Amino acid sequence: MIFGQAGHLVHYGAGTAPLETLIHLITAVQRGETSGDSPVRPGDEVRLVGELPESLAGYDETRLRETVFVVRYVGKDATVDVQSDLTEDYVIVTVPTTIVKPLRR
């Protein structure tokens, strides 16, 4: 919920410095709590690959495939919550871990 609200504020022009600090702090805690055998962890940048879930049916598939998402949460049910750059969109979506590919930078 915090990430969605932060994205909403950034999207509509609120200052980003305090929000970015909060996001980095929360992400650091979540990374430490994520299982070591998880293919991705909060804060990782990923792209969507494979078959998209029904929840993304209303989005442009080409745009989704080109967008770099950030993992916000790793579920215990083989799903991850991902969000695009806060200045682009403030929506967070839950997708199966099998359709995310980590970006190695």
Protein backbone atom coordinates (compact mmCIF):
# COMPACT_ATOMS: atom_id res chain seq x y z
CA MET A 1 0.00 0.00 0.00
CA ILE A 2 2.84 2.41 0.81
CA PHE A 3 4.44 1.90 -2.61
CA GLY A 4 1.17 2.53 -4.41
CA GLN A 5 0.52 5.70 -2.44
CA ALA A 6 4.10 6.89 -2.97
CA GLY A 7 3.71 6.30 -6.69
CA HIS A 8 0.46 8.21 -6.68
CA LEU A 9 2.10 11.23 -5.02
CA VAL A 10 5.09 11.18 -7.37
CA HIS A 11 2.84 10.76 -10.39
CA TYR A 12 0.95 13.92 -9.44
CA GLY A 13 4.02 16.04 -8.74
CA ALA A 14 4.73 15.75 -5.02
CA GLY A 15 8.34 15.93 -3.86
CA THR A 16 10.16 12.64 -4.17
CA ALA A 17 13.14 12.82 -1.79
CA PRO A 18 11.33 11.76 1.42
CA LEU A 19 9.39 9.09 -0.48
CA GLU A 20 12.51 7.67 -2.09
CA THR A 21 14.21 7.47 1.31
CA LEU A 22 11.21 5.62 2.77
CA ILE A 23 11.05 3.24 -0.20
CA HIS A 24 14.77 2.43 0.07
CA LEU A 25 14.46 1.73 3.80
CA ILE A 26 11.45 -0.54 3.38
CA THR A 27 13.10 -2.33 0.46
CA ALA A 28 16.26 -2.97 2.49
CA VAL A 29 14.23 -4.59 5.28
CA GLN A 30 12.23 -6.69 2.81
CA ARG A 31 15.39 -7.83 0.98
CA GLY A 32 16.77 -9.09 4.28
CA GLU A 33 13.58 -11.04 4.98
CA THR A 34 13.39 -12.71 1.55
CA SER A 35 14.48 -16.32 1.27
CA GLY A 36 17.98 -16.81 -0.12
CA ASP A 37 16.70 -19.22 -2.77
CA SER A 38 14.26 -16.70 -4.26
CA PRO A 39 15.06 -15.89 -7.92
CA VAL A 40 14.34 -12.19 -7.27
CA ARG A 41 14.26 -9.95 -4.22
CA PRO A 42 12.63 -6.61 -3.41
CA GLY A 43 14.45 -3.81 -5.21
CA ASP A 44 15.51 -6.00 -8.15
CA GLU A 45 14.73 -4.67 -11.62
CA VAL A 46 12.88 -7.14 -13.86
CA ARG A 47 11.09 -7.44 -17.18
CA LEU A 48 7.95 -9.44 -17.85
CA VAL A 49 8.44 -12.51 -20.05
CA GLY A 50 6.23 -15.46 -20.86
CA GLU A 51 2.45 -15.51 -20.75
CA LEU A 52 0.94 -12.47 -19.09
CA PRO A 53 -1.74 -13.01 -16.42
CA GLU A 54 -5.37 -12.01 -16.96
CA SER A 55 -4.92 -9.12 -14.53
CA LEU A 56 -2.81 -7.35 -17.19
CA ALA A 57 -5.22 -7.93 -20.08
CA GLY A 58 -6.15 -4.22 -20.27
CA TYR A 59 -2.55 -3.07 -20.71
CA ASP A 60 -0.58 -2.73 -23.94
CA GLU A 61 1.49 -5.92 -24.16
CA THR A 62 4.36 -4.30 -26.06
CA ARG A 63 4.66 -1.57 -23.44
CA LEU A 64 4.58 -4.13 -20.63
CA ARG A 65 7.40 -6.12 -22.24
CA GLU A 66 9.54 -2.99 -22.70
CA THR A 67 8.94 -1.61 -19.20
CA VAL A 68 11.48 -2.16 -16.46
CA PHE A 69 9.67 -3.04 -13.25
CA VAL A 70 10.97 -3.05 -9.69
CA VAL A 71 10.11 -5.93 -7.39
CA ARG A 72 8.31 -4.49 -4.36
CA TYR A 73 7.35 -7.72 -2.56
CA VAL A 74 8.09 -11.44 -2.89
CA GLY A 75 5.18 -13.61 -1.84
CA LYS A 76 5.37 -17.07 -0.32
CA ASP A 77 3.00 -18.26 -3.06
CA ALA A 78 5.45 -17.97 -6.01
CA THR A 79 4.29 -14.45 -6.87
CA VAL A 80 5.91 -11.03 -6.80
CA ASP A 81 4.47 -7.53 -6.68
CA VAL A 82 6.09 -5.32 -9.30
CA GLN A 83 5.86 -1.61 -10.06
CA SER A 84 7.16 0.49 -12.91
CA ASP A 85 9.12 3.68 -12.33
CA LEU A 86 7.13 5.93 -10.01
CA THR A 87 7.10 8.78 -12.52
CA GLU A 88 5.51 6.55 -15.19
CA ASP A 89 2.76 4.75 -13.30
CA TYR A 90 1.77 4.11 -9.72
CA VAL A 91 0.08 0.75 -10.22
CA ILE A 92 1.48 -2.32 -8.51
CA VAL A 93 0.62 -5.70 -10.01
CA THR A 94 1.06 -9.22 -8.68
CA VAL A 95 2.50 -11.69 -11.17
CA PRO A 96 3.91 -15.22 -11.01
CA THR A 97 7.67 -15.37 -10.43
CA THR A 98 7.88 -17.54 -13.54
CA ILE A 99 7.17 -14.56 -15.81
CA VAL A 100 9.79 -12.16 -14.47
CA LYS A 101 13.35 -12.01 -15.74
CA PRO A 102 15.90 -10.21 -13.57
CA LEU A 103 17.98 -7.52 -15.26
CA ARG A 104 21.66 -7.80 -14.54
CA ARG A 105 23.30 -4.39 -14.51
